[in-house]
PDB file of N, CA and C in Angstrom:
ATOM      1  N   MET A   1     -23.293   1.001  -2.380  1.00  0.00           N
ATOM      2  CA  MET A   1     -22.415   0.270  -1.505  1.00  0.00           C
ATOM      3  C   MET A   1     -22.470  -1.222  -1.849  1.00  0.00           C
ATOM      4  N   LYS A   2     -23.669  -1.712  -2.146  1.00  0.00           N
ATOM      5  CA  LYS A   2     -23.817  -3.129  -2.471  1.00  0.00           C
ATOM      6  C   LYS A   2     -23.042  -3.475  -3.743  1.00  0.00           C
ATOM      7  N   ALA A   3     -23.135  -2.620  -4.761  1.00  0.00           N
ATOM      8  CA  ALA A   3     -22.410  -2.871  -6.008  1.00  0.00           C
ATOM      9  C   ALA A   3     -20.900  -2.843  -5.760  1.00  0.00           C
ATOM     10  N   GLN A   4     -20.462  -1.902  -4.960  1.00  0.00           N
ATOM     11  CA  GLN A   4     -19.045  -1.790  -4.639  1.00  0.00           C
ATOM     12  C   GLN A   4     -18.575  -3.025  -3.876  1.00  0.00           C
ATOM     13  N   LEU A   5     -19.391  -3.502  -2.950  1.00  0.00           N
ATOM     14  CA  LEU A   5     -19.062  -4.690  -2.174  1.00  0.00           C
ATOM     15  C   LEU A   5     -18.930  -5.902  -3.085  1.00  0.00           C
ATOM     16  N   ASP A   6     -19.866  -6.037  -4.028  1.00  0.00           N
ATOM     17  CA  ASP A   6     -19.832  -7.163  -4.962  1.00  0.00           C
ATOM     18  C   ASP A   6     -18.624  -7.086  -5.892  1.00  0.00           C
ATOM     19  N   ALA A   7     -18.257  -5.871  -6.315  1.00  0.00           N
ATOM     20  CA  ALA A   7     -17.186  -5.707  -7.293  1.00  0.00           C
ATOM     21  C   ALA A   7     -15.795  -5.909  -6.681  1.00  0.00           C
ATOM     22  N   GLN A   8     -15.455  -5.097  -5.699  1.00  0.00           N
ATOM     23  CA  GLN A   8     -14.099  -5.177  -5.157  1.00  0.00           C
ATOM     24  C   GLN A   8     -14.025  -4.966  -3.657  1.00  0.00           C
ATOM     25  N   GLY A   9     -15.142  -4.855  -3.013  1.00  0.00           N
ATOM     26  CA  GLY A   9     -15.147  -4.569  -1.581  1.00  0.00           C
ATOM     27  C   GLY A   9     -15.321  -3.075  -1.376  1.00  0.00           C
ATOM     28  N   VAL A  10     -15.843  -2.709  -0.244  1.00  0.00           N
ATOM     29  CA  VAL A  10     -16.113  -1.306   0.048  1.00  0.00           C
ATOM     30  C   VAL A  10     -14.814  -0.596   0.393  1.00  0.00           C
ATOM     31  N   GLU A  11     -14.544   0.502  -0.315  1.00  0.00           N
ATOM     32  CA  GLU A  11     -13.361   1.303  -0.010  1.00  0.00           C
ATOM     33  C   GLU A  11     -13.553   1.991   1.327  1.00  0.00           C
ATOM     34  N   ARG A  12     -12.457   2.050   2.096  1.00  0.00           N
ATOM     35  CA  ARG A  12     -12.520   2.653   3.417  1.00  0.00           C
ATOM     36  C   ARG A  12     -11.696   3.930   3.472  1.00  0.00           C
ATOM     37  N   GLN A  13     -12.139   4.827   4.319  1.00  0.00           N
ATOM     38  CA  GLN A  13     -11.447   6.083   4.552  1.00  0.00           C
ATOM     39  C   GLN A  13     -10.902   6.061   5.975  1.00  0.00           C
ATOM     40  N   LEU A  14      -9.584   6.137   6.113  1.00  0.00           N
ATOM     41  CA  LEU A  14      -8.949   6.190   7.420  1.00  0.00           C
ATOM     42  C   LEU A  14      -9.236   7.542   8.055  1.00  0.00           C
ATOM     43  N   LEU A  15      -9.698   7.536   9.300  1.00  0.00           N
ATOM     44  CA  LEU A  15      -9.946   8.786  10.006  1.00  0.00           C
ATOM     45  C   LEU A  15      -8.626   9.314  10.558  1.00  0.00           C
ATOM     46  N   LEU A  16      -8.322  10.574  10.304  1.00  0.00           N
ATOM     47  CA  LEU A  16      -7.093  11.166  10.841  1.00  0.00           C
ATOM     48  C   LEU A  16      -7.118  11.166  12.362  1.00  0.00           C
ATOM     49  N   LEU A  17      -8.289  11.448  12.902  1.00  0.00           N
ATOM     50  CA  LEU A  17      -8.487  11.406  14.350  1.00  0.00           C
ATOM     51  C   LEU A  17      -9.569  10.379  14.635  1.00  0.00           C
ATOM     52  N   PRO A  18      -9.164   9.177  15.071  1.00  0.00           N
ATOM     53  CA  PRO A  18     -10.173   8.151  15.369  1.00  0.00           C
ATOM     54  C   PRO A  18     -11.196   8.675  16.380  1.00  0.00           C
ATOM     55  N   GLU A  19     -12.426   8.225  16.230  1.00  0.00           N
ATOM     56  CA  GLU A  19     -13.521   8.673  17.092  1.00  0.00           C
ATOM     57  C   GLU A  19     -13.851   7.617  18.136  1.00  0.00           C
ATOM     58  N   VAL A  20     -13.928   8.038  19.386  1.00  0.00           N
ATOM     59  CA  VAL A  20     -14.349   7.143  20.453  1.00  0.00           C
ATOM     60  C   VAL A  20     -15.854   7.284  20.610  1.00  0.00           C
ATOM     61  N   VAL A  21     -16.546   6.153  20.594  1.00  0.00           N
ATOM     62  CA  VAL A  21     -17.999   6.131  20.747  1.00  0.00           C
ATOM     63  C   VAL A  21     -18.308   5.357  22.020  1.00  0.00           C
ATOM     64  N   GLU A  22     -19.016   5.998  22.930  1.00  0.00           N
ATOM     65  CA  GLU A  22     -19.387   5.343  24.182  1.00  0.00           C
ATOM     66  C   GLU A  22     -20.807   4.804  24.081  1.00  0.00           C
ATOM     67  N   LEU A  23     -20.955   3.549  24.448  1.00  0.00           N
ATOM     68  CA  LEU A  23     -22.238   2.848  24.410  1.00  0.00           C
ATOM     69  C   LEU A  23     -22.412   2.120  25.732  1.00  0.00           C
ATOM     70  N   ASP A  24     -23.596   1.559  25.930  1.00  0.00           N
ATOM     71  CA  ASP A  24     -23.708   0.684  27.092  1.00  0.00           C
ATOM     72  C   ASP A  24     -22.891  -0.575  26.784  1.00  0.00           C
ATOM     73  N   GLU A  25     -22.471  -1.254  27.815  1.00  0.00           N
ATOM     74  CA  GLU A  25     -21.552  -2.381  27.662  1.00  0.00           C
ATOM     75  C   GLU A  25     -22.095  -3.471  26.740  1.00  0.00           C
ATOM     76  N   ALA A  26     -23.384  -3.765  26.836  1.00  0.00           N
ATOM     77  CA  ALA A  26     -23.982  -4.820  26.004  1.00  0.00           C
ATOM     78  C   ALA A  26     -23.968  -4.436  24.521  1.00  0.00           C
ATOM     79  N   SER A  27     -24.287  -3.191  24.216  1.00  0.00           N
ATOM     80  CA  SER A  27     -24.294  -2.739  22.816  1.00  0.00           C
ATOM     81  C   SER A  27     -22.894  -2.773  22.226  1.00  0.00           C
ATOM     82  N   ALA A  28     -21.917  -2.312  22.986  1.00  0.00           N
ATOM     83  CA  ALA A  28     -20.525  -2.337  22.511  1.00  0.00           C
ATOM     84  C   ALA A  28     -20.083  -3.775  22.263  1.00  0.00           C
ATOM     85  N   ALA A  29     -20.423  -4.674  23.168  1.00  0.00           N
ATOM     86  CA  ALA A  29     -20.046  -6.079  23.020  1.00  0.00           C
ATOM     87  C   ALA A  29     -20.671  -6.682  21.771  1.00  0.00           C
ATOM     88  N   ARG A  30     -21.959  -6.367  21.505  1.00  0.00           N
ATOM     89  CA  ARG A  30     -22.627  -6.895  20.297  1.00  0.00           C
ATOM     90  C   ARG A  30     -21.925  -6.416  19.031  1.00  0.00           C
ATOM     91  N   LEU A  31     -21.580  -5.137  18.983  1.00  0.00           N
ATOM     92  CA  LEU A  31     -20.893  -4.615  17.800  1.00  0.00           C
ATOM     93  C   LEU A  31     -19.525  -5.253  17.625  1.00  0.00           C
ATOM     94  N   LEU A  32     -18.813  -5.425  18.725  1.00  0.00           N
ATOM     95  CA  LEU A  32     -17.463  -5.965  18.640  1.00  0.00           C
ATOM     96  C   LEU A  32     -17.436  -7.424  18.210  1.00  0.00           C
ATOM     97  N   THR A  33     -18.538  -8.148  18.381  1.00  0.00           N
ATOM     98  CA  THR A  33     -18.582  -9.527  17.879  1.00  0.00           C
ATOM     99  C   THR A  33     -18.732  -9.552  16.360  1.00  0.00           C
ATOM    100  N   ARG A  34     -19.056  -8.407  15.764  1.00  0.00           N
ATOM    101  CA  ARG A  34     -19.286  -8.334  14.310  1.00  0.00           C
ATOM    102  C   ARG A  34     -18.201  -7.527  13.596  1.00  0.00           C
ATOM    103  N   THR A  35     -17.011  -7.380  14.193  1.00  0.00           N
ATOM    104  CA  THR A  35     -15.986  -6.515  13.607  1.00  0.00           C
ATOM    105  C   THR A  35     -15.596  -6.921  12.188  1.00  0.00           C
ATOM    106  N   GLU A  36     -15.506  -8.225  11.916  1.00  0.00           N
ATOM    107  CA  GLU A  36     -15.125  -8.668  10.567  1.00  0.00           C
ATOM    108  C   GLU A  36     -16.187  -8.277   9.541  1.00  0.00           C
ATOM    109  N   GLU A  37     -17.439  -8.491   9.882  1.00  0.00           N
ATOM    110  CA  GLU A  37     -18.526  -8.145   8.962  1.00  0.00           C
ATOM    111  C   GLU A  37     -18.591  -6.630   8.737  1.00  0.00           C
ATOM    112  N   LEU A  38     -18.433  -5.872   9.810  1.00  0.00           N
ATOM    113  CA  LEU A  38     -18.456  -4.412   9.685  1.00  0.00           C
ATOM    114  C   LEU A  38     -17.284  -3.914   8.841  1.00  0.00           C
ATOM    115  N   ALA A  39     -16.117  -4.542   8.997  1.00  0.00           N
ATOM    116  CA  ALA A  39     -14.945  -4.153   8.200  1.00  0.00           C
ATOM    117  C   ALA A  39     -15.190  -4.408   6.716  1.00  0.00           C
ATOM    118  N   GLU A  40     -15.890  -5.496   6.384  1.00  0.00           N
ATOM    119  CA  GLU A  40     -16.224  -5.768   4.976  1.00  0.00           C
ATOM    120  C   GLU A  40     -17.101  -4.665   4.406  1.00  0.00           C
ATOM    121  N   LEU A  41     -17.887  -4.024   5.277  1.00  0.00           N
ATOM    122  CA  LEU A  41     -18.765  -2.930   4.852  1.00  0.00           C
ATOM    123  C   LEU A  41     -18.079  -1.566   4.973  1.00  0.00           C
ATOM    124  N   GLY A  42     -16.795  -1.574   5.367  1.00  0.00           N
ATOM    125  CA  GLY A  42     -16.026  -0.342   5.402  1.00  0.00           C
ATOM    126  C   GLY A  42     -15.937   0.324   6.755  1.00  0.00           C
ATOM    127  N   LEU A  43     -16.442  -0.311   7.801  1.00  0.00           N
ATOM    128  CA  LEU A  43     -16.420   0.283   9.138  1.00  0.00           C
ATOM    129  C   LEU A  43     -15.471  -0.517  10.021  1.00  0.00           C
ATOM    130  N   VAL A  44     -14.358   0.116  10.401  1.00  0.00           N
ATOM    131  CA  VAL A  44     -13.355  -0.557  11.218  1.00  0.00           C
ATOM    132  C   VAL A  44     -13.440  -0.012  12.642  1.00  0.00           C
ATOM    133  N   ILE A  45     -13.753  -0.923  13.577  1.00  0.00           N
ATOM    134  CA  ILE A  45     -13.875  -0.543  14.982  1.00  0.00           C
ATOM    135  C   ILE A  45     -12.987  -1.442  15.834  1.00  0.00           C
ATOM    136  N   GLU A  46     -12.639  -0.932  17.015  1.00  0.00           N
ATOM    137  CA  GLU A  46     -11.843  -1.686  17.977  1.00  0.00           C
ATOM    138  C   GLU A  46     -12.367  -1.391  19.372  1.00  0.00           C
ATOM    139  N   PRO A  47     -12.154  -2.321  20.304  1.00  0.00           N
ATOM    140  CA  PRO A  47     -12.572  -2.049  21.682  1.00  0.00           C
ATOM    141  C   PRO A  47     -11.764  -0.894  22.262  1.00  0.00           C
ATOM    142  N   PHE A  48     -12.378  -0.143  23.174  1.00  0.00           N
ATOM    143  CA  PHE A  48     -11.705   0.988  23.802  1.00  0.00           C
ATOM    144  C   PHE A  48     -12.235   1.139  25.223  1.00  0.00           C
ATOM    145  N   GLY A  49     -11.924   0.172  26.043  1.00  0.00           N
ATOM    146  CA  GLY A  49     -12.392   0.192  27.423  1.00  0.00           C
ATOM    147  C   GLY A  49     -13.792  -0.373  27.535  1.00  0.00           C
ATOM    148  N   THR A  50     -14.339  -0.298  28.741  1.00  0.00           N
ATOM    149  CA  THR A  50     -15.657  -0.854  29.016  1.00  0.00           C
ATOM    150  C   THR A  50     -16.754   0.007  28.399  1.00  0.00           C
ATOM    151  N   GLY A  51     -17.560  -0.598  27.538  1.00  0.00           N
ATOM    152  CA  GLY A  51     -18.689   0.109  26.943  1.00  0.00           C
ATOM    153  C   GLY A  51     -18.305   1.159  25.922  1.00  0.00           C
ATOM    154  N   ALA A  52     -17.116   1.068  25.368  1.00  0.00           N
ATOM    155  CA  ALA A  52     -16.695   2.053  24.363  1.00  0.00           C
ATOM    156  C   ALA A  52     -15.954   1.344  23.242  1.00  0.00           C
ATOM    157  N   LEU A  53     -15.954   1.977  22.092  1.00  0.00           N
ATOM    158  CA  LEU A  53     -15.174   1.487  20.967  1.00  0.00           C
ATOM    159  C   LEU A  53     -14.607   2.676  20.215  1.00  0.00           C
ATOM    160  N   VAL A  54     -13.585   2.408  19.440  1.00  0.00           N
ATOM    161  CA  VAL A  54     -12.974   3.461  18.643  1.00  0.00           C
ATOM    162  C   VAL A  54     -13.221   3.125  17.177  1.00  0.00           C
ATOM    163  N   VAL A  55     -13.647   4.136  16.425  1.00  0.00           N
ATOM    164  CA  VAL A  55     -13.883   3.994  14.989  1.00  0.00           C
ATOM    165  C   VAL A  55     -12.626   4.502  14.285  1.00  0.00           C
ATOM    166  N   ARG A  56     -11.973   3.629  13.541  1.00  0.00           N
ATOM    167  CA  ARG A  56     -10.720   3.981  12.858  1.00  0.00           C
ATOM    168  C   ARG A  56     -10.921   4.269  11.369  1.00  0.00           C
ATOM    169  N   GLU A  57     -11.874   3.577  10.737  1.00  0.00           N
ATOM    170  CA  GLU A  57     -12.133   3.759   9.317  1.00  0.00           C
ATOM    171  C   GLU A  57     -13.632   3.700   9.067  1.00  0.00           C
ATOM    172  N   VAL A  58     -14.078   4.455   8.059  1.00  0.00           N
ATOM    173  CA  VAL A  58     -15.484   4.472   7.658  1.00  0.00           C
ATOM    174  C   VAL A  58     -15.561   4.245   6.150  1.00  0.00           C
ATOM    175  N   PRO A  59     -16.735   3.865   5.636  1.00  0.00           N
ATOM    176  CA  PRO A  59     -16.865   3.707   4.183  1.00  0.00           C
ATOM    177  C   PRO A  59     -16.534   5.023   3.468  1.00  0.00           C
ATOM    178  N   ALA A  60     -15.659   4.971   2.475  1.00  0.00           N
ATOM    179  CA  ALA A  60     -15.224   6.171   1.767  1.00  0.00           C
ATOM    180  C   ALA A  60     -16.381   6.879   1.083  1.00  0.00           C
ATOM    181  N   LEU A  61     -17.370   6.131   0.617  1.00  0.00           N
ATOM    182  CA  LEU A  61     -18.467   6.767  -0.111  1.00  0.00           C
ATOM    183  C   LEU A  61     -19.323   7.665   0.784  1.00  0.00           C
ATOM    184  N   LEU A  62     -19.157   7.568   2.100  1.00  0.00           N
ATOM    185  CA  LEU A  62     -19.889   8.458   3.002  1.00  0.00           C
ATOM    186  C   LEU A  62     -19.274   9.849   3.065  1.00  0.00           C
ATOM    187  N   GLY A  63     -18.043   9.992   2.585  1.00  0.00           N
ATOM    188  CA  GLY A  63     -17.389  11.294   2.630  1.00  0.00           C
ATOM    189  C   GLY A  63     -17.158  11.711   4.070  1.00  0.00           C
ATOM    190  N   ASP A  64     -17.249  13.015   4.320  1.00  0.00           N
ATOM    191  CA  ASP A  64     -17.114  13.507   5.691  1.00  0.00           C
ATOM    192  C   ASP A  64     -18.380  13.161   6.443  1.00  0.00           C
ATOM    193  N   SER A  65     -18.242  12.321   7.457  1.00  0.00           N
ATOM    194  CA  SER A  65     -19.429  11.924   8.212  1.00  0.00           C
ATOM    195  C   SER A  65     -19.153  12.016   9.699  1.00  0.00           C
ATOM    196  N   ASP A  66     -20.220  12.154  10.443  1.00  0.00           N
ATOM    197  CA  ASP A  66     -20.156  12.227  11.884  1.00  0.00           C
ATOM    198  C   ASP A  66     -20.501  10.852  12.429  1.00  0.00           C
ATOM    199  N   VAL A  67     -19.501  10.136  12.972  1.00  0.00           N
ATOM    200  CA  VAL A  67     -19.748   8.776  13.440  1.00  0.00           C
ATOM    201  C   VAL A  67     -20.633   8.741  14.668  1.00  0.00           C
ATOM    202  N   HIS A  68     -20.795   9.873  15.348  1.00  0.00           N
ATOM    203  CA  HIS A  68     -21.656   9.931  16.520  1.00  0.00           C
ATOM    204  C   HIS A  68     -23.116  10.069  16.137  1.00  0.00           C
ATOM    205  N   GLY A  69     -23.412  10.533  14.934  1.00  0.00           N
ATOM    206  CA  GLY A  69     -24.795  10.720  14.504  1.00  0.00           C
ATOM    207  C   GLY A  69     -25.378  11.991  15.051  1.00  0.00           C
ATOM    208  N   PRO A  70     -26.676  12.187  14.886  1.00  0.00           N
ATOM    209  CA  PRO A  70     -27.328  13.405  15.343  1.00  0.00           C
ATOM    210  C   PRO A  70     -27.186  13.592  16.851  1.00  0.00           C
ATOM    211  N   GLY A  71     -26.828  14.790  17.223  1.00  0.00           N
ATOM    212  CA  GLY A  71     -26.697  15.118  18.642  1.00  0.00           C
ATOM    213  C   GLY A  71     -25.450  14.553  19.281  1.00  0.00           C
ATOM    214  N   GLY A  72     -24.512  13.973  18.474  1.00  0.00           N
ATOM    215  CA  GLY A  72     -23.334  13.320  19.039  1.00  0.00           C
ATOM    216  C   GLY A  72     -22.189  14.186  19.248  1.00  0.00           C
TER     217      GLY A  72
END
C-alpha cells in the first residue's frame, strides 16, 4: 500500500452497496475529521447520522473485505 501511495495513490474500490458502520459519537467524529487522509489511503467515508458513518470505497488491494471486521 505504501509503494502504491508513493507511486500514484491508492486505488479504490467502489462498494456496490455502501456499508453503514455504527460507532459511539466521539469515535465517529474523530474518524470524520480525517476523511481526506483516509481517502488518500483508499477509504472513503461520509457522515450518516449521529454516531454512524457510511463506507463508500475501500482500498482495492484489500479485495472483498468486511468493513465491519470480526463479528460485524
